[in-house]
């Protein structure tokens, strides 16, 4: 059950991935760590804003998926959730987990 604060709940997603480079997991955290960090951040956002931030979707790419292009299964699923307005926020450990290309990131934000 989702606890409502001030009658408002925001539904969101956590997006995570680890690159093909073995060092990426050390630098960016394991997929499990990225998911845990996202859940903790959602709790913090709820506490600070007074609006419940509920994670409904955990979109974690399989290991070894490059952020150099947008042809990633979970990324495409994320875009569909955004376009269909089924989520209101996205949490990622850092921008580079969503995209390595500034152009692709700007399109994502659009």
N, C-alpha and C. Protein backbone atom coordinates (compact mmCIF):
# COMPACT_ATOMS: atom_id res chain seq x y z
N UNK A 1 0.85 -1.19 0.00
CA UNK A 1 0.00 0.00 0.00
C UNK A 1 0.89 1.24 0.00
N UNK A 2 0.52 2.23 -0.77
CA UNK A 2 1.27 3.48 -0.88
C UNK A 2 0.71 4.48 0.11
N UNK A 3 1.58 4.98 0.97
CA UNK A 3 1.19 6.00 1.93
C UNK A 3 1.16 7.36 1.24
N UNK A 4 0.04 8.04 1.33
CA UNK A 4 -0.07 9.36 0.72
C UNK A 4 0.30 10.43 1.73
N UNK A 5 1.05 11.41 1.26
CA UNK A 5 1.39 12.56 2.09
C UNK A 5 0.75 13.77 1.42
N UNK A 6 -0.02 14.50 2.16
CA UNK A 6 -0.74 15.65 1.61
C UNK A 6 -1.58 15.23 0.40
N UNK A 7 -2.01 13.96 0.37
CA UNK A 7 -2.86 13.49 -0.71
C UNK A 7 -2.16 13.32 -2.04
N UNK A 8 -0.84 13.36 -2.08
CA UNK A 8 -0.11 13.32 -3.34
C UNK A 8 0.92 12.20 -3.35
N UNK A 9 0.94 11.45 -4.44
CA UNK A 9 1.93 10.41 -4.65
C UNK A 9 2.50 10.58 -6.05
N UNK A 10 3.82 10.55 -6.17
CA UNK A 10 4.48 10.57 -7.47
C UNK A 10 5.00 9.16 -7.75
N UNK A 11 4.71 8.67 -8.94
CA UNK A 11 5.14 7.34 -9.35
C UNK A 11 6.38 7.50 -10.23
N UNK A 12 7.40 6.69 -9.94
CA UNK A 12 8.64 6.84 -10.70
C UNK A 12 9.33 5.53 -11.00
N UNK A 13 10.52 5.67 -11.57
CA UNK A 13 11.33 4.52 -11.97
C UNK A 13 12.78 4.76 -11.59
N UNK A 14 13.47 3.67 -11.32
CA UNK A 14 14.92 3.69 -11.17
C UNK A 14 15.48 3.08 -12.44
N UNK A 15 16.49 3.74 -13.03
CA UNK A 15 17.15 3.20 -14.20
C UNK A 15 18.62 2.99 -13.88
N UNK A 16 19.12 1.82 -14.18
CA UNK A 16 20.53 1.52 -13.92
C UNK A 16 21.13 0.66 -15.01
N UNK A 17 22.43 0.77 -15.16
CA UNK A 17 23.16 -0.09 -16.09
C UNK A 17 24.63 -0.05 -15.74
N UNK A 18 25.34 -1.09 -16.17
CA UNK A 18 26.79 -1.16 -16.04
C UNK A 18 27.33 -1.33 -17.45
N UNK A 19 28.38 -0.61 -17.78
CA UNK A 19 28.96 -0.65 -19.12
C UNK A 19 29.67 -1.97 -19.39
N UNK A 20 30.15 -2.10 -20.62
CA UNK A 20 30.90 -3.29 -21.01
C UNK A 20 32.26 -3.34 -20.34
N UNK A 21 32.77 -2.22 -19.90
CA UNK A 21 34.07 -2.13 -19.24
C UNK A 21 33.96 -2.68 -17.82
N UNK A 22 34.82 -3.65 -17.47
CA UNK A 22 34.78 -4.24 -16.13
C UNK A 22 34.99 -3.21 -15.03
N UNK A 23 35.75 -2.17 -15.31
CA UNK A 23 36.01 -1.13 -14.31
C UNK A 23 34.76 -0.30 -14.03
N UNK A 24 33.77 -0.35 -14.92
CA UNK A 24 32.57 0.47 -14.76
C UNK A 24 31.81 0.11 -13.49
N UNK A 25 31.79 -1.17 -13.14
CA UNK A 25 31.07 -1.56 -11.93
C UNK A 25 31.72 -0.96 -10.69
N UNK A 26 33.02 -0.87 -10.68
CA UNK A 26 33.72 -0.26 -9.56
C UNK A 26 33.41 1.24 -9.52
N UNK A 27 33.47 1.87 -10.69
CA UNK A 27 33.27 3.32 -10.77
C UNK A 27 31.82 3.72 -10.51
N UNK A 28 30.88 2.99 -11.08
CA UNK A 28 29.47 3.40 -11.03
C UNK A 28 28.63 2.58 -10.07
N UNK A 29 29.20 1.57 -9.46
CA UNK A 29 28.45 0.72 -8.55
C UNK A 29 27.79 -0.43 -9.28
N UNK A 30 27.57 -1.49 -8.57
CA UNK A 30 26.92 -2.65 -9.16
C UNK A 30 25.47 -2.30 -9.48
N UNK A 31 24.84 -3.13 -10.25
CA UNK A 31 23.42 -2.92 -10.56
C UNK A 31 22.59 -2.94 -9.29
N UNK A 32 22.94 -3.82 -8.37
CA UNK A 32 22.23 -3.90 -7.10
C UNK A 32 22.42 -2.61 -6.29
N UNK A 33 23.65 -2.08 -6.28
CA UNK A 33 23.92 -0.84 -5.57
C UNK A 33 23.16 0.33 -6.18
N UNK A 34 23.07 0.36 -7.50
CA UNK A 34 22.33 1.43 -8.17
C UNK A 34 20.85 1.38 -7.80
N UNK A 35 20.28 0.18 -7.74
CA UNK A 35 18.88 0.03 -7.34
C UNK A 35 18.66 0.45 -5.90
N UNK A 36 19.55 0.04 -5.00
CA UNK A 36 19.45 0.41 -3.59
C UNK A 36 19.55 1.92 -3.42
N UNK A 37 20.52 2.54 -4.10
CA UNK A 37 20.70 3.99 -4.01
C UNK A 37 19.43 4.70 -4.49
N UNK A 38 18.82 4.21 -5.55
CA UNK A 38 17.60 4.83 -6.07
C UNK A 38 16.45 4.77 -5.08
N UNK A 39 16.29 3.62 -4.43
CA UNK A 39 15.22 3.50 -3.42
C UNK A 39 15.47 4.44 -2.24
N UNK A 40 16.73 4.55 -1.82
CA UNK A 40 17.06 5.45 -0.72
C UNK A 40 16.80 6.91 -1.10
N UNK A 41 17.13 7.27 -2.32
CA UNK A 41 16.90 8.64 -2.78
C UNK A 41 15.41 8.95 -2.85
N UNK A 42 14.61 7.98 -3.27
CA UNK A 42 13.16 8.19 -3.31
C UNK A 42 12.62 8.47 -1.90
N UNK A 43 13.13 7.74 -0.91
CA UNK A 43 12.72 7.99 0.49
C UNK A 43 13.11 9.39 0.93
N UNK A 44 14.33 9.80 0.55
CA UNK A 44 14.80 11.14 0.92
C UNK A 44 13.95 12.22 0.24
N UNK A 45 13.63 12.03 -1.03
CA UNK A 45 12.77 12.99 -1.74
C UNK A 45 11.41 13.09 -1.07
N UNK A 46 10.87 11.96 -0.65
CA UNK A 46 9.57 11.97 0.04
C UNK A 46 9.65 12.75 1.33
N UNK A 47 10.69 12.52 2.08
CA UNK A 47 10.86 13.20 3.36
C UNK A 47 11.02 14.70 3.18
N UNK A 48 11.82 15.10 2.22
CA UNK A 48 12.08 16.53 2.00
C UNK A 48 10.88 17.27 1.42
N UNK A 49 10.15 16.63 0.52
CA UNK A 49 9.10 17.33 -0.21
C UNK A 49 7.72 17.21 0.43
N UNK A 50 7.54 16.17 1.27
CA UNK A 50 6.20 15.93 1.81
C UNK A 50 5.29 15.25 0.82
N UNK A 51 5.83 14.86 -0.32
CA UNK A 51 5.09 14.13 -1.35
C UNK A 51 5.71 12.75 -1.47
N UNK A 52 4.88 11.72 -1.39
CA UNK A 52 5.40 10.36 -1.47
C UNK A 52 5.95 10.07 -2.87
N UNK A 53 7.20 9.67 -2.95
CA UNK A 53 7.85 9.27 -4.21
C UNK A 53 7.94 7.75 -4.21
N UNK A 54 7.03 7.12 -4.95
CA UNK A 54 6.91 5.67 -4.97
C UNK A 54 7.58 5.09 -6.21
N UNK A 55 8.52 4.17 -6.01
CA UNK A 55 9.19 3.51 -7.13
C UNK A 55 8.32 2.33 -7.56
N UNK A 56 7.78 2.43 -8.75
CA UNK A 56 6.94 1.36 -9.28
C UNK A 56 7.71 0.49 -10.28
N UNK A 57 8.74 1.07 -10.90
CA UNK A 57 9.49 0.36 -11.94
C UNK A 57 10.98 0.37 -11.63
N UNK A 58 11.58 -0.80 -11.65
CA UNK A 58 13.02 -0.94 -11.49
C UNK A 58 13.55 -1.45 -12.83
N UNK A 59 14.15 -0.55 -13.60
CA UNK A 59 14.62 -0.87 -14.94
C UNK A 59 16.13 -0.98 -14.92
N UNK A 60 16.61 -2.20 -14.90
CA UNK A 60 18.04 -2.45 -14.81
C UNK A 60 18.47 -3.20 -16.07
N UNK A 61 19.36 -2.59 -16.82
CA UNK A 61 19.88 -3.23 -18.03
C UNK A 61 20.73 -4.44 -17.66
N UNK A 62 20.79 -5.38 -18.56
CA UNK A 62 21.69 -6.52 -18.37
C UNK A 62 23.12 -6.00 -18.34
N UNK A 63 24.00 -6.75 -17.73
CA UNK A 63 25.41 -6.35 -17.65
C UNK A 63 26.00 -6.17 -19.04
N UNK A 64 26.86 -5.17 -19.14
CA UNK A 64 27.60 -4.96 -20.37
C UNK A 64 26.85 -4.22 -21.46
N UNK A 65 25.92 -3.33 -21.08
CA UNK A 65 25.17 -2.56 -22.07
C UNK A 65 25.76 -1.16 -22.15
N UNK A 66 26.17 -0.76 -23.33
CA UNK A 66 26.79 0.54 -23.53
C UNK A 66 25.77 1.66 -23.52
N UNK A 67 26.16 2.79 -22.95
CA UNK A 67 25.31 3.98 -22.96
C UNK A 67 25.57 4.84 -24.18
N UNK A 68 26.37 4.32 -25.12
CA UNK A 68 26.72 5.07 -26.32
C UNK A 68 25.60 5.16 -27.34
N UNK A 69 24.54 4.39 -27.15
CA UNK A 69 23.39 4.50 -28.05
C UNK A 69 22.12 4.30 -27.22
N UNK A 70 21.00 4.53 -27.82
CA UNK A 70 19.73 4.42 -27.10
C UNK A 70 19.00 3.12 -27.41
N UNK A 71 19.65 2.22 -28.12
CA UNK A 71 19.05 0.94 -28.48
C UNK A 71 19.28 -0.07 -27.36
N UNK A 72 18.66 0.23 -26.20
CA UNK A 72 18.78 -0.61 -25.02
C UNK A 72 17.35 -0.96 -24.57
N UNK A 73 17.08 -2.21 -24.30
CA UNK A 73 15.71 -2.63 -23.97
C UNK A 73 15.07 -1.86 -22.81
N UNK A 74 15.76 -1.75 -21.70
CA UNK A 74 15.17 -1.08 -20.53
C UNK A 74 15.08 0.43 -20.74
N UNK A 75 16.01 0.99 -21.50
CA UNK A 75 15.95 2.42 -21.82
C UNK A 75 14.71 2.70 -22.66
N UNK A 76 14.45 1.85 -23.64
CA UNK A 76 13.26 2.03 -24.47
C UNK A 76 11.99 1.86 -23.65
N UNK A 77 12.00 0.94 -22.70
CA UNK A 77 10.87 0.76 -21.80
C UNK A 77 10.68 2.03 -20.95
N UNK A 78 11.78 2.61 -20.48
CA UNK A 78 11.73 3.85 -19.71
C UNK A 78 11.10 4.97 -20.52
N UNK A 79 11.54 5.12 -21.77
CA UNK A 79 10.97 6.15 -22.64
C UNK A 79 9.47 5.95 -22.82
N UNK A 80 9.04 4.70 -22.97
CA UNK A 80 7.61 4.41 -23.11
C UNK A 80 6.84 4.82 -21.85
N UNK A 81 7.41 4.55 -20.68
CA UNK A 81 6.75 4.94 -19.43
C UNK A 81 6.62 6.46 -19.32
N UNK A 82 7.66 7.17 -19.78
CA UNK A 82 7.63 8.63 -19.74
C UNK A 82 6.61 9.17 -20.74
N UNK A 83 6.68 8.70 -21.97
CA UNK A 83 5.77 9.19 -23.02
C UNK A 83 4.30 8.92 -22.68
N UNK A 84 4.03 7.79 -22.07
CA UNK A 84 2.65 7.44 -21.73
C UNK A 84 2.23 8.05 -20.39
N UNK A 85 3.12 8.79 -19.78
CA UNK A 85 2.86 9.49 -18.51
C UNK A 85 2.50 8.54 -17.37
N UNK A 86 3.06 7.33 -17.43
CA UNK A 86 2.84 6.38 -16.33
C UNK A 86 3.82 6.60 -15.19
N UNK A 87 4.86 7.41 -15.42
CA UNK A 87 5.76 7.80 -14.35
C UNK A 87 5.96 9.31 -14.38
N UNK A 88 6.32 9.85 -13.22
CA UNK A 88 6.52 11.29 -13.09
C UNK A 88 7.96 11.66 -12.78
N UNK A 89 8.79 10.67 -12.44
CA UNK A 89 10.18 10.96 -12.16
C UNK A 89 11.04 9.73 -12.45
N UNK A 90 12.33 10.00 -12.69
CA UNK A 90 13.32 8.96 -12.95
C UNK A 90 14.50 9.20 -12.03
N UNK A 91 14.99 8.14 -11.42
CA UNK A 91 16.19 8.22 -10.61
C UNK A 91 17.27 7.36 -11.25
N UNK A 92 18.43 7.95 -11.46
CA UNK A 92 19.61 7.22 -11.93
C UNK A 92 20.78 7.70 -11.10
N UNK A 93 21.75 6.84 -10.90
CA UNK A 93 22.91 7.20 -10.07
C UNK A 93 23.60 8.43 -10.61
N UNK A 94 23.71 8.54 -11.91
CA UNK A 94 24.32 9.70 -12.55
C UNK A 94 23.88 9.76 -14.01
N UNK A 95 24.06 10.90 -14.62
CA UNK A 95 23.64 11.10 -16.01
C UNK A 95 24.23 10.06 -16.94
N UNK A 96 25.48 9.67 -16.72
CA UNK A 96 26.13 8.72 -17.63
C UNK A 96 25.46 7.35 -17.63
N UNK A 97 24.65 7.04 -16.61
CA UNK A 97 23.93 5.77 -16.61
C UNK A 97 22.79 5.83 -17.62
N UNK A 98 22.24 7.02 -17.84
CA UNK A 98 21.16 7.19 -18.81
C UNK A 98 21.75 7.32 -20.21
N UNK A 99 22.79 8.13 -20.36
CA UNK A 99 23.37 8.34 -21.68
C UNK A 99 24.80 8.82 -21.59
N UNK A 100 25.60 8.41 -22.55
CA UNK A 100 26.97 8.90 -22.69
C UNK A 100 27.04 10.05 -23.70
N UNK A 101 25.94 10.28 -24.40
CA UNK A 101 25.88 11.31 -25.43
C UNK A 101 25.05 12.50 -24.92
N UNK A 102 25.61 13.69 -24.97
CA UNK A 102 24.87 14.88 -24.54
C UNK A 102 23.62 15.08 -25.41
N UNK A 103 23.74 14.82 -26.69
CA UNK A 103 22.60 14.96 -27.60
C UNK A 103 21.49 14.00 -27.21
N UNK A 104 21.84 12.73 -26.95
CA UNK A 104 20.83 11.76 -26.53
C UNK A 104 20.20 12.15 -25.20
N UNK A 105 21.02 12.68 -24.27
CA UNK A 105 20.49 13.08 -22.98
C UNK A 105 19.53 14.26 -23.13
N UNK A 106 19.87 15.21 -23.98
CA UNK A 106 18.98 16.35 -24.21
C UNK A 106 17.66 15.89 -24.83
N UNK A 107 17.71 14.93 -25.73
CA UNK A 107 16.48 14.37 -26.31
C UNK A 107 15.67 13.66 -25.21
N UNK A 108 16.35 12.95 -24.33
CA UNK A 108 15.69 12.27 -23.21
C UNK A 108 14.96 13.30 -22.35
N UNK A 109 15.62 14.39 -22.03
CA UNK A 109 15.01 15.41 -21.19
C UNK A 109 13.86 16.12 -21.89
N UNK A 110 13.92 16.21 -23.21
CA UNK A 110 12.84 16.83 -23.98
C UNK A 110 11.58 16.01 -23.89
